[in-house]
Amino acid sequence: DGAPTAGYSRVALPRGSTTLTVAWQAPGLARVSASGASMIYRLTFLPTPGHHGDELRLRVTPPPGWDWRGAHPPAVVSLDEPFRGEWELKRSSTS
């Protein structure tokens, strides 16, 4: 029910910044409804202690044949606080 991760080491000069790019392919992360007509995608990120000002730049690509119903995951999330989101996917009209 998730992929817990924290364990990166990036060094930035004081008042500097650094970037870490990670790509996940998690085809089973979205849960299909009983009818099969929709899926729910849930995402949780917890802040890493001692890190302030961290941002998650997020791009989630729905599986082939699916589109977001309404809102979709945000492009940028502050990781100063826990982040939890839930979004719905529907079968695309072209599938």
N, C-alpha and C. Protein backbone atom coordinates (compact mmCIF):
# COMPACT_ATOMS: atom_id res chain seq x y z
N ASP A 1 0.82 -1.21 0.00
CA ASP A 1 0.00 0.00 0.00
C ASP A 1 0.85 1.25 0.00
N GLY A 2 1.98 1.20 -0.60
CA GLY A 2 2.79 2.40 -0.69
C GLY A 2 4.23 2.04 -0.95
N ALA A 3 5.03 3.05 -1.14
CA ALA A 3 6.45 2.87 -1.35
C ALA A 3 7.18 3.86 -0.47
N PRO A 4 7.36 3.52 0.82
CA PRO A 4 8.02 4.47 1.71
C PRO A 4 9.48 4.66 1.33
N THR A 5 9.86 5.90 1.19
CA THR A 5 11.24 6.18 0.88
C THR A 5 11.69 7.45 1.57
N ALA A 6 12.85 7.46 2.04
CA ALA A 6 13.60 8.64 2.49
C ALA A 6 15.00 8.09 2.64
N GLY A 7 15.92 8.73 2.10
CA GLY A 7 17.26 8.19 2.16
C GLY A 7 18.08 8.74 1.03
N TYR A 8 18.00 10.00 0.88
CA TYR A 8 18.81 10.63 -0.14
C TYR A 8 19.79 11.54 0.55
N SER A 9 20.92 11.72 -0.04
CA SER A 9 21.93 12.60 0.52
C SER A 9 22.31 13.60 -0.56
N ARG A 10 21.87 14.80 -0.37
CA ARG A 10 22.19 15.88 -1.30
C ARG A 10 22.78 17.00 -0.47
N VAL A 11 23.90 17.52 -0.89
CA VAL A 11 24.56 18.59 -0.15
C VAL A 11 24.40 19.89 -0.94
N ALA A 12 23.93 20.92 -0.25
CA ALA A 12 23.82 22.25 -0.85
C ALA A 12 24.53 23.23 0.07
N LEU A 13 25.15 24.20 -0.51
CA LEU A 13 25.79 25.24 0.28
C LEU A 13 24.73 25.99 1.09
N PRO A 14 25.11 26.62 2.21
CA PRO A 14 24.13 27.40 2.96
C PRO A 14 23.41 28.38 2.03
N ARG A 15 22.11 28.43 2.15
CA ARG A 15 21.22 29.26 1.33
C ARG A 15 21.24 28.86 -0.14
N GLY A 16 21.82 27.70 -0.42
CA GLY A 16 21.85 27.19 -1.79
C GLY A 16 20.72 26.20 -2.01
N SER A 17 20.77 25.54 -3.11
CA SER A 17 19.76 24.52 -3.39
C SER A 17 20.38 23.41 -4.22
N THR A 18 19.69 22.31 -4.27
CA THR A 18 20.08 21.18 -5.08
C THR A 18 18.81 20.49 -5.54
N THR A 19 18.92 19.65 -6.53
CA THR A 19 17.76 18.96 -7.09
C THR A 19 18.04 17.47 -7.14
N LEU A 20 17.03 16.69 -6.80
CA LEU A 20 17.08 15.24 -6.90
C LEU A 20 15.90 14.82 -7.76
N THR A 21 16.16 14.11 -8.83
CA THR A 21 15.09 13.65 -9.71
C THR A 21 14.93 12.15 -9.52
N VAL A 22 13.69 11.74 -9.27
CA VAL A 22 13.37 10.33 -9.07
C VAL A 22 12.16 10.01 -9.93
N ALA A 23 12.16 8.88 -10.59
CA ALA A 23 11.01 8.45 -11.39
C ALA A 23 10.54 7.10 -10.87
N TRP A 24 9.25 6.99 -10.64
CA TRP A 24 8.65 5.73 -10.21
C TRP A 24 7.68 5.28 -11.28
N GLN A 25 7.63 4.00 -11.52
CA GLN A 25 6.56 3.40 -12.29
C GLN A 25 5.85 2.48 -11.32
N ALA A 26 4.62 2.86 -10.98
CA ALA A 26 3.85 2.11 -9.99
C ALA A 26 2.47 1.83 -10.56
N PRO A 27 2.36 0.87 -11.48
CA PRO A 27 1.09 0.66 -12.17
C PRO A 27 -0.05 0.22 -11.26
N GLY A 28 0.23 -0.33 -10.09
CA GLY A 28 -0.83 -0.78 -9.20
C GLY A 28 -1.19 0.23 -8.13
N LEU A 29 -0.65 1.44 -8.21
CA LEU A 29 -0.88 2.43 -7.15
C LEU A 29 -2.30 2.95 -7.13
N ALA A 30 -2.91 3.16 -8.29
CA ALA A 30 -4.30 3.60 -8.34
C ALA A 30 -5.20 2.38 -8.17
N ARG A 31 -6.24 2.53 -7.36
CA ARG A 31 -7.16 1.42 -7.07
C ARG A 31 -8.41 1.53 -7.94
N VAL A 32 -8.72 0.48 -8.67
CA VAL A 32 -9.90 0.46 -9.55
C VAL A 32 -11.14 0.25 -8.71
N SER A 33 -12.23 0.99 -9.03
CA SER A 33 -13.49 0.84 -8.33
C SER A 33 -14.13 -0.51 -8.65
N ALA A 34 -15.14 -0.88 -7.87
CA ALA A 34 -15.82 -2.16 -8.08
C ALA A 34 -16.44 -2.24 -9.47
N SER A 35 -16.93 -1.11 -9.99
CA SER A 35 -17.56 -1.10 -11.32
C SER A 35 -16.53 -1.11 -12.44
N GLY A 36 -15.28 -0.76 -12.12
CA GLY A 36 -14.24 -0.69 -13.13
C GLY A 36 -14.28 0.60 -13.94
N ALA A 37 -15.19 1.50 -13.60
CA ALA A 37 -15.35 2.75 -14.37
C ALA A 37 -14.46 3.87 -13.87
N SER A 38 -13.89 3.73 -12.69
CA SER A 38 -13.03 4.78 -12.16
C SER A 38 -11.92 4.18 -11.31
N MET A 39 -10.92 5.00 -11.02
CA MET A 39 -9.83 4.62 -10.13
C MET A 39 -9.57 5.78 -9.18
N ILE A 40 -9.09 5.47 -8.00
CA ILE A 40 -8.68 6.48 -7.03
C ILE A 40 -7.17 6.39 -6.88
N TYR A 41 -6.53 7.52 -6.99
CA TYR A 41 -5.08 7.63 -6.84
C TYR A 41 -4.80 8.40 -5.56
N ARG A 42 -4.10 7.80 -4.63
CA ARG A 42 -3.76 8.44 -3.36
C ARG A 42 -2.25 8.58 -3.25
N LEU A 43 -1.84 9.70 -2.67
CA LEU A 43 -0.42 9.98 -2.54
C LEU A 43 -0.16 10.65 -1.21
N THR A 44 0.84 10.19 -0.49
CA THR A 44 1.24 10.78 0.79
C THR A 44 2.74 10.99 0.78
N PHE A 45 3.17 12.19 1.14
CA PHE A 45 4.58 12.49 1.34
C PHE A 45 4.72 13.12 2.71
N LEU A 46 5.65 12.62 3.50
CA LEU A 46 5.93 13.16 4.82
C LEU A 46 7.22 13.96 4.78
N PRO A 47 7.28 15.04 5.55
CA PRO A 47 8.51 15.84 5.55
C PRO A 47 9.68 15.05 6.14
N THR A 48 10.87 15.36 5.70
CA THR A 48 12.08 14.77 6.26
C THR A 48 12.57 15.68 7.38
N PRO A 49 12.75 15.15 8.58
CA PRO A 49 13.17 15.99 9.71
C PRO A 49 14.44 16.78 9.38
N GLY A 50 14.46 18.03 9.79
CA GLY A 50 15.63 18.87 9.59
C GLY A 50 15.69 19.55 8.24
N HIS A 51 14.74 19.26 7.37
CA HIS A 51 14.71 19.88 6.05
C HIS A 51 13.57 20.88 6.00
N HIS A 52 13.87 22.11 5.64
CA HIS A 52 12.83 23.13 5.52
C HIS A 52 12.97 23.77 4.15
N GLY A 53 11.86 24.06 3.53
CA GLY A 53 11.88 24.66 2.22
C GLY A 53 11.94 23.65 1.09
N ASP A 54 11.89 22.35 1.42
CA ASP A 54 11.90 21.33 0.37
C ASP A 54 10.59 21.39 -0.42
N GLU A 55 10.70 21.17 -1.70
CA GLU A 55 9.53 21.11 -2.58
C GLU A 55 9.55 19.83 -3.38
N LEU A 56 8.38 19.32 -3.61
CA LEU A 56 8.20 18.18 -4.50
C LEU A 56 7.62 18.73 -5.79
N ARG A 57 8.30 18.51 -6.89
CA ARG A 57 7.77 18.86 -8.21
C ARG A 57 7.27 17.56 -8.80
N LEU A 58 5.97 17.52 -8.99
CA LEU A 58 5.29 16.27 -9.24
C LEU A 58 4.67 16.24 -10.64
N ARG A 59 4.87 15.14 -11.33
CA ARG A 59 4.18 14.90 -12.60
C ARG A 59 3.68 13.47 -12.58
N VAL A 60 2.37 13.32 -12.60
CA VAL A 60 1.75 11.99 -12.58
C VAL A 60 1.07 11.77 -13.92
N THR A 61 1.46 10.71 -14.60
CA THR A 61 0.87 10.38 -15.89
C THR A 61 -0.12 9.23 -15.69
N PRO A 62 -1.40 9.46 -15.99
CA PRO A 62 -2.38 8.37 -15.84
C PRO A 62 -2.05 7.20 -16.75
N PRO A 63 -2.51 6.01 -16.38
CA PRO A 63 -2.29 4.85 -17.24
C PRO A 63 -3.00 5.05 -18.59
N PRO A 64 -2.54 4.36 -19.63
CA PRO A 64 -3.21 4.47 -20.93
C PRO A 64 -4.71 4.17 -20.80
N GLY A 65 -5.53 5.02 -21.44
CA GLY A 65 -6.98 4.82 -21.42
C GLY A 65 -7.68 5.49 -20.26
N TRP A 66 -6.94 6.25 -19.45
CA TRP A 66 -7.52 6.91 -18.28
C TRP A 66 -7.18 8.40 -18.29
N ASP A 67 -8.09 9.23 -17.75
CA ASP A 67 -7.89 10.67 -17.62
C ASP A 67 -8.36 11.10 -16.23
N TRP A 68 -7.87 12.25 -15.77
CA TRP A 68 -8.30 12.78 -14.49
C TRP A 68 -9.75 13.22 -14.56
N ARG A 69 -10.50 12.93 -13.53
CA ARG A 69 -11.87 13.44 -13.39
C ARG A 69 -11.78 14.60 -12.40
N GLY A 70 -11.91 15.81 -12.93
CA GLY A 70 -11.79 16.99 -12.07
C GLY A 70 -10.33 17.31 -11.81
N ALA A 71 -10.02 17.59 -10.56
CA ALA A 71 -8.66 18.00 -10.17
C ALA A 71 -7.66 16.88 -10.42
N HIS A 72 -6.41 17.28 -10.62
CA HIS A 72 -5.32 16.31 -10.77
C HIS A 72 -4.23 16.69 -9.77
N PRO A 73 -3.26 15.83 -9.54
CA PRO A 73 -2.20 16.15 -8.57
C PRO A 73 -1.52 17.48 -8.91
N PRO A 74 -1.17 18.27 -7.90
CA PRO A 74 -0.52 19.56 -8.15
C PRO A 74 0.89 19.38 -8.71
N ALA A 75 1.36 20.42 -9.39
CA ALA A 75 2.70 20.37 -9.98
C ALA A 75 3.79 20.59 -8.95
N VAL A 76 3.50 21.36 -7.89
CA VAL A 76 4.48 21.67 -6.86
C VAL A 76 3.81 21.53 -5.50
N VAL A 77 4.50 20.85 -4.58
CA VAL A 77 3.99 20.63 -3.23
C VAL A 77 5.10 20.99 -2.24
N SER A 78 4.77 21.79 -1.22
CA SER A 78 5.73 22.07 -0.15
C SER A 78 5.84 20.84 0.73
N LEU A 79 7.07 20.47 1.09
CA LEU A 79 7.27 19.33 1.97
C LEU A 79 7.63 19.77 3.39
N ASP A 80 7.26 21.01 3.74
CA ASP A 80 7.43 21.46 5.11
C ASP A 80 6.39 20.83 6.04
N GLU A 81 5.30 20.37 5.49
CA GLU A 81 4.21 19.73 6.22
C GLU A 81 3.89 18.41 5.52
N PRO A 82 3.22 17.49 6.22
CA PRO A 82 2.78 16.28 5.52
C PRO A 82 1.84 16.65 4.37
N PHE A 83 1.94 15.93 3.28
CA PHE A 83 1.07 16.15 2.13
C PHE A 83 0.31 14.87 1.85
N ARG A 84 -1.00 14.99 1.77
CA ARG A 84 -1.85 13.85 1.41
C ARG A 84 -2.84 14.32 0.36
N GLY A 85 -2.99 13.55 -0.69
CA GLY A 85 -3.93 13.90 -1.74
C GLY A 85 -4.63 12.68 -2.27
N GLU A 86 -5.80 12.91 -2.85
CA GLU A 86 -6.57 11.84 -3.46
C GLU A 86 -7.25 12.41 -4.70
N TRP A 87 -7.15 11.70 -5.81
CA TRP A 87 -7.71 12.17 -7.08
C TRP A 87 -8.39 11.00 -7.76
N GLU A 88 -9.37 11.32 -8.58
CA GLU A 88 -10.13 10.29 -9.27
C GLU A 88 -9.76 10.28 -10.75
N LEU A 89 -9.67 9.10 -11.29
CA LEU A 89 -9.44 8.89 -12.72
C LEU A 89 -10.67 8.23 -13.32
N LYS A 90 -10.96 8.56 -14.57
CA LYS A 90 -12.07 7.93 -15.30
C LYS A 90 -11.54 7.37 -16.60
N ARG A 91 -12.24 6.42 -17.14
CA ARG A 91 -11.84 5.90 -18.45
C ARG A 91 -11.97 7.03 -19.47
N SER A 92 -10.96 7.18 -20.33
CA SER A 92 -11.00 8.25 -21.32
C SER A 92 -12.04 7.93 -22.39
N SER A 93 -12.55 8.98 -22.97
CA SER A 93 -13.61 8.80 -23.98
C SER A 93 -13.05 8.18 -25.27
N THR A 94 -11.73 8.16 -25.40
CA THR A 94 -11.14 7.57 -26.61
C THR A 94 -10.79 6.11 -26.45
N SER A 95 -11.02 5.56 -25.23
CA SER A 95 -10.64 4.15 -25.04
C SER A 95 -11.83 3.23 -25.23
